[in-house]
Protein backbone atom coordinates (compact mmCIF):
# COMPACT_ATOMS: atom_id res chain seq x y z
CA UNK A 1 0.01 -0.21 -0.30
CA UNK A 2 1.14 3.74 -0.72
CA UNK A 3 0.16 6.80 1.07
CA UNK A 4 1.01 10.06 -1.25
CA UNK A 5 0.74 13.07 1.12
CA UNK A 6 -1.05 15.91 -1.18
CA UNK A 7 -1.42 18.40 1.31
CA UNK A 8 0.33 18.78 5.43
CA UNK A 9 -0.98 22.41 5.65
CA UNK A 10 -3.26 24.19 7.80
CA UNK A 11 -6.97 26.12 6.83
CA UNK A 12 -4.62 28.96 5.28
CA UNK A 13 -1.78 26.76 3.78
CA UNK A 14 2.06 27.45 3.66
CA UNK A 15 3.07 30.34 2.82
CA UNK A 16 0.28 32.37 4.44
CA UNK A 17 -0.74 34.95 1.95
CA UNK A 18 0.50 38.33 3.04
CA UNK A 19 3.49 36.84 5.83
CA UNK A 20 6.67 37.79 5.80
CA UNK A 21 7.62 34.89 8.63
CA UNK A 22 11.07 32.94 7.72
CA UNK A 23 8.63 29.59 6.97
CA UNK A 24 6.39 31.39 4.88
CA UNK A 25 9.52 33.12 2.90
CA UNK A 26 11.17 29.74 2.86
CA UNK A 27 12.70 28.28 -0.53
CA UNK A 28 12.65 24.65 0.62
CA UNK A 29 9.98 23.24 -0.84
CA UNK A 30 8.75 21.47 2.42
CA UNK A 31 8.19 24.43 3.96
CA UNK A 32 5.15 24.62 1.32
CA UNK A 33 2.26 23.63 2.46
CA UNK A 34 -1.24 22.55 0.82
CA UNK A 35 -3.91 21.93 2.57
CA UNK A 36 -4.47 18.34 4.08
CA UNK A 37 -5.33 15.41 2.18
CA UNK A 38 -3.35 12.39 0.96
CA UNK A 39 -3.94 9.24 -1.41
CA UNK A 40 -4.30 5.68 -0.55
CA UNK A 41 -3.42 3.31 -3.35
CA UNK A 42 -2.29 -0.50 -4.14
CA UNK A 43 -2.17 -1.70 -7.58
CA UNK A 44 -5.87 -2.32 -7.70
CA UNK A 45 -7.63 0.69 -5.59
CA UNK A 46 -7.22 4.33 -5.37
CA UNK A 47 -8.42 6.29 -2.13
CA UNK A 48 -8.65 9.96 -1.93
CA UNK A 49 -9.05 11.52 1.53
CA UNK A 50 -10.35 14.53 1.74
CA UNK A 51 -11.06 17.22 -1.28
CA UNK A 52 -9.92 20.36 0.15
CA UNK A 53 -9.34 23.59 -1.89
CA UNK A 54 -5.97 22.49 -3.57
CA UNK A 55 -7.22 19.58 -4.91
CA UNK A 56 -6.49 20.56 -8.62
CA UNK A 57 -3.40 21.66 -8.22
CA UNK A 58 -2.84 18.76 -6.14
CA UNK A 59 -3.95 15.74 -8.20
CA UNK A 60 -2.51 17.49 -11.52
CA UNK A 61 1.15 16.05 -10.57
CA UNK A 62 -0.52 12.70 -10.07
CA UNK A 63 -1.22 9.87 -13.07
CA UNK A 64 -4.61 10.82 -14.24
CA UNK A 65 -6.64 6.86 -13.12
CA UNK A 66 -9.92 5.80 -11.56
CA UNK A 67 -10.56 7.02 -7.89
CA UNK A 68 -12.63 4.42 -6.89
CA UNK A 69 -13.43 6.35 -3.36
CA UNK A 70 -13.48 9.88 -1.68
CA UNK A 71 -13.56 9.38 2.39
CA UNK A 72 -14.31 12.81 3.94
CA UNK A 73 -12.99 13.37 7.79
CA UNK A 74 -15.39 16.45 8.07
CA UNK A 75 -17.16 19.11 5.91
CA UNK A 76 -14.75 22.03 7.07
CA UNK A 77 -14.40 24.16 3.78
CA UNK A 78 -10.17 23.15 3.73
CA UNK A 79 -11.18 19.38 3.24
CA UNK A 80 -14.12 19.64 1.03
CA UNK A 81 -14.11 22.72 -1.06
CA UNK A 82 -12.68 20.93 -4.13
CA UNK A 83 -15.21 18.59 -4.63
CA UNK A 84 -16.80 20.19 -7.92
CA UNK A 85 -13.19 19.48 -9.13
CA UNK A 86 -13.51 15.82 -9.33
CA UNK A 87 -15.58 15.95 -12.36
CA UNK A 88 -13.22 14.69 -14.54
CA UNK A 89 -12.81 11.46 -12.62
CA UNK A 90 -16.74 10.93 -12.90
CA UNK A 91 -16.06 10.00 -16.21
CA UNK A 92 -15.10 6.52 -14.36
CA UNK A 93 -18.31 6.34 -13.26
CA UNK A 94 -20.19 7.39 -9.91
CA UNK A 95 -17.71 8.95 -7.77
CA UNK A 96 -18.78 7.16 -4.30
CA UNK A 97 -17.87 9.31 -1.52
CA UNK A 98 -18.21 8.36 2.11
CA UNK A 99 -18.63 10.83 4.95
CA UNK A 100 -20.40 10.47 8.60
CA UNK A 101 -23.74 12.19 9.02
CA UNK A 102 -22.64 15.37 10.23
CA UNK A 103 -20.32 15.68 7.30
CA UNK A 104 -23.25 14.38 4.87
CA UNK A 105 -25.39 17.17 5.92
CA UNK A 106 -22.18 19.90 5.45
CA UNK A 107 -22.02 18.43 1.59
CA UNK A 108 -25.64 18.21 0.73
CA UNK A 109 -25.53 21.52 1.91
CA UNK A 110 -22.06 22.63 0.06
CA UNK A 111 -23.55 21.26 -3.28
CA UNK A 112 -26.82 20.92 -3.37
CA UNK A 113 -26.76 20.88 -7.61
CA UNK A 114 -25.11 17.48 -7.21
CA UNK A 115 -28.44 16.54 -5.40
CA UNK A 116 -31.28 17.32 -7.17
CA UNK A 117 -33.54 15.55 -9.17
CA UNK A 118 -32.58 17.28 -12.68
CA UNK A 119 -28.87 17.84 -12.51
CA UNK A 120 -27.84 19.86 -15.83
CA UNK A 121 -24.89 18.42 -17.65
CA UNK A 122 -21.77 18.29 -16.59
CA UNK A 123 -21.93 18.31 -12.60
CA UNK A 124 -20.57 15.98 -10.58
CA UNK A 125 -21.84 12.53 -10.02
CA UNK A 126 -21.53 11.65 -6.79
CA UNK A 127 -22.94 9.03 -4.97
CA UNK A 128 -23.46 9.50 -1.28
CA UNK A 129 -22.69 7.10 1.31
CA UNK A 130 -23.01 7.22 4.78
CA UNK A 131 -20.56 5.95 7.82
CA UNK A 132 -19.55 5.98 11.27
CA UNK A 133 -16.65 5.20 13.74
CA UNK A 134 -16.06 1.62 14.60
CA UNK A 135 -18.03 0.18 11.36
CA UNK A 136 -15.30 -1.03 9.03
CA UNK A 137 -15.80 -1.34 5.40
CA UNK A 138 -13.70 -2.07 2.29
CA UNK A 139 -12.98 -0.07 -1.09
CA UNK A 140 -11.32 -2.57 -3.44
CA UNK A 141 -8.33 -4.62 -1.87
CA UNK A 142 -8.32 -1.94 1.20
CA UNK A 143 -9.77 -2.17 4.21
CA UNK A 144 -11.33 0.99 6.07
CA UNK A 145 -11.69 1.50 9.93
CA UNK A 146 -13.64 4.96 10.51
CA UNK A 147 -12.12 6.41 13.95
CA UNK A 148 -14.44 9.58 15.50
CA UNK A 149 -12.14 11.70 16.86
CA UNK A 150 -13.23 15.36 18.93
CA UNK A 151 -12.35 18.55 16.68
CA UNK A 152 -12.88 20.86 19.36
CA UNK A 153 -16.42 19.51 20.07
CA UNK A 154 -17.24 18.79 16.91
CA UNK A 155 -16.97 14.86 15.88
CA UNK A 156 -15.27 13.75 12.96
CA UNK A 157 -13.24 10.90 11.14
CA UNK A 158 -9.99 9.79 11.10
CA UNK A 159 -9.41 6.03 9.18
CA UNK A 160 -7.16 3.62 9.61
CA UNK A 161 -6.44 1.21 6.66
CA UNK A 162 -4.37 -1.75 7.90
CA UNK A 163 -1.56 -1.13 10.06
CA UNK A 164 -0.96 3.02 9.17
CA UNK A 165 -3.48 5.58 10.87
CA UNK A 166 -4.48 8.94 9.40
CA UNK A 167 -5.85 11.41 11.89
CA UNK A 168 -6.52 14.96 10.85
CA UNK A 169 -8.13 18.24 12.82
CA UNK A 170 -8.07 16.48 15.97
CA UNK A 171 -8.22 18.05 19.88
CA UNK A 172 -8.94 14.74 21.84
CA UNK A 173 -10.20 11.80 21.64
CA UNK A 174 -11.86 9.35 23.54
CA UNK A 175 -11.20 6.27 25.27
CA UNK A 176 -13.84 3.96 23.51
CA UNK A 177 -11.81 4.89 20.12
CA UNK A 178 -8.64 3.62 21.18
CA UNK A 179 -8.84 0.06 20.81
CA UNK A 180 -9.28 0.60 17.13
CA UNK A 181 -5.90 1.92 17.32
CA UNK A 182 -4.43 -0.72 18.58
CA UNK A 183 -1.50 -2.69 16.09
CA UNK A 184 -1.14 0.41 14.37
CA UNK A 185 2.05 0.68 12.89
CA UNK A 186 2.44 4.06 11.02
CA UNK A 187 0.72 6.95 12.07
CA UNK A 188 -0.56 10.41 10.95
CA UNK A 189 -1.42 12.85 12.94
CA UNK A 190 -1.70 16.72 13.13
CA UNK A 191 0.43 18.99 15.26
CA UNK A 192 -0.47 22.39 14.55
CA UNK A 193 2.08 23.89 16.25
CA UNK A 194 4.55 24.26 19.11
CA UNK A 195 2.91 26.80 21.77
CA UNK A 196 -0.24 28.78 22.02
CA UNK A 197 -2.98 25.65 22.48
CA UNK A 198 -5.73 26.32 19.80
CA UNK A 199 -9.76 25.51 21.49
CA UNK A 200 -9.96 22.88 18.36
CA UNK A 201 -6.46 21.71 17.65
CA UNK A 202 -3.73 19.42 19.21
CA UNK A 203 0.05 21.05 19.59
CA UNK A 204 3.09 18.98 18.78
CA UNK A 205 3.68 17.66 22.05
CA UNK A 206 -0.38 16.53 22.24
CA UNK A 207 0.41 14.87 18.76
CA UNK A 208 3.62 12.89 20.95
CA UNK A 209 1.67 12.01 23.79
CA UNK A 210 -1.26 10.79 21.66
CA UNK A 211 1.22 8.63 19.39
CA UNK A 212 2.76 7.24 22.29
CA UNK A 213 -0.72 6.11 23.51
CA UNK A 214 -1.18 4.33 19.95
CA UNK A 215 2.35 2.70 20.35
CA UNK A 216 2.72 3.58 16.71
CA UNK A 217 6.42 2.95 15.53
CA UNK A 218 6.80 5.14 13.21
CA UNK A 219 4.43 8.73 13.57
CA UNK A 220 4.30 11.55 10.67
CA UNK A 221 2.81 14.84 11.91
CA UNK A 222 0.49 16.97 9.40
CA UNK A 223 -1.75 19.57 9.80
CA UNK A 224 0.98 22.34 10.67
CA UNK A 225 0.75 25.95 10.31
CA UNK A 226 3.36 28.30 9.45
CA UNK A 227 4.09 28.82 13.62
CA UNK A 228 5.54 24.73 13.26
CA UNK A 229 8.92 26.30 12.18
CA UNK A 230 11.29 25.39 9.37
CA UNK A 231 11.44 21.55 8.54
CA UNK A 232 14.79 20.91 8.67
CA UNK A 233 14.84 22.31 12.02
CA UNK A 234 11.90 20.98 13.73
CA UNK A 235 12.88 17.47 12.51
CA UNK A 236 16.15 17.51 14.15
CA UNK A 237 14.52 18.25 17.51
CA UNK A 238 11.69 15.98 17.49
CA UNK A 239 12.08 12.21 19.15
CA UNK A 240 13.22 9.45 17.45
CA UNK A 241 10.29 7.83 15.30
CA UNK A 242 9.04 11.38 14.73
CA UNK A 243 9.24 13.45 11.94
CA UNK A 244 6.99 16.19 10.24
CA UNK A 245 5.05 14.92 6.78
CA UNK A 246 5.80 17.10 3.27
CA UNK A 247 3.41 17.57 0.59
CA UNK A 248 4.75 15.19 -2.18
CA UNK A 249 5.99 12.38 0.54
CA UNK A 250 5.13 8.77 -0.48
CA UNK A 251 5.08 6.19 2.29
CA UNK A 252 5.23 2.43 1.49
CA UNK A 253 3.16 0.88 3.87
CA UNK A 254 3.73 -3.43 3.91
């Protein structure tokens, strides 16, 4: 199984418009962060997790072939704002989109023209499926386990694919969801920055503590704002087994 990081930034992305900080002015490509999204692939199956407003830019460098499904973590714009751009992929057939009840309602409100009885030609053809935490399903040859995490007061979904788990926008996780992460070896989890607590996102130290509870051997941090620091410098100070993910990074999960 192959994981491609299409974006690892927060809702503003990095660089932030108008910012002159050292991260936003960095020439290191690893300090350029589009909005969060990953591709999960095998030789037979291709799954997109979130289609944010940078989706078009993110997907253009990738080989053009069928996307079997889109998994939605939640309905905030930075995770769902590019859904209209899936139109070229609908030539392969209706796009199956999986979301929990809250995100499903958000999609119906954001893209009402995709779900009316008489749709005009060219709109995305979406098959919208409601899923819930703890109820596994399979897409092609990839097993999917939805996991509920809390984005402040909003319940959202992370996803486990065999020994890899992907969680973004989490502030905390309830104890009853932790068993769903047993046996995860590679974890990707959000870490906004090092200081200045946020009401709905965890910081780097929170992410490290969470990964240690899970017992992951390797942890990649994502959904980072410019305040996290320079990629090269931060990776030097993170504990062993922890690293910042970067846009375009590819993981091979065995």
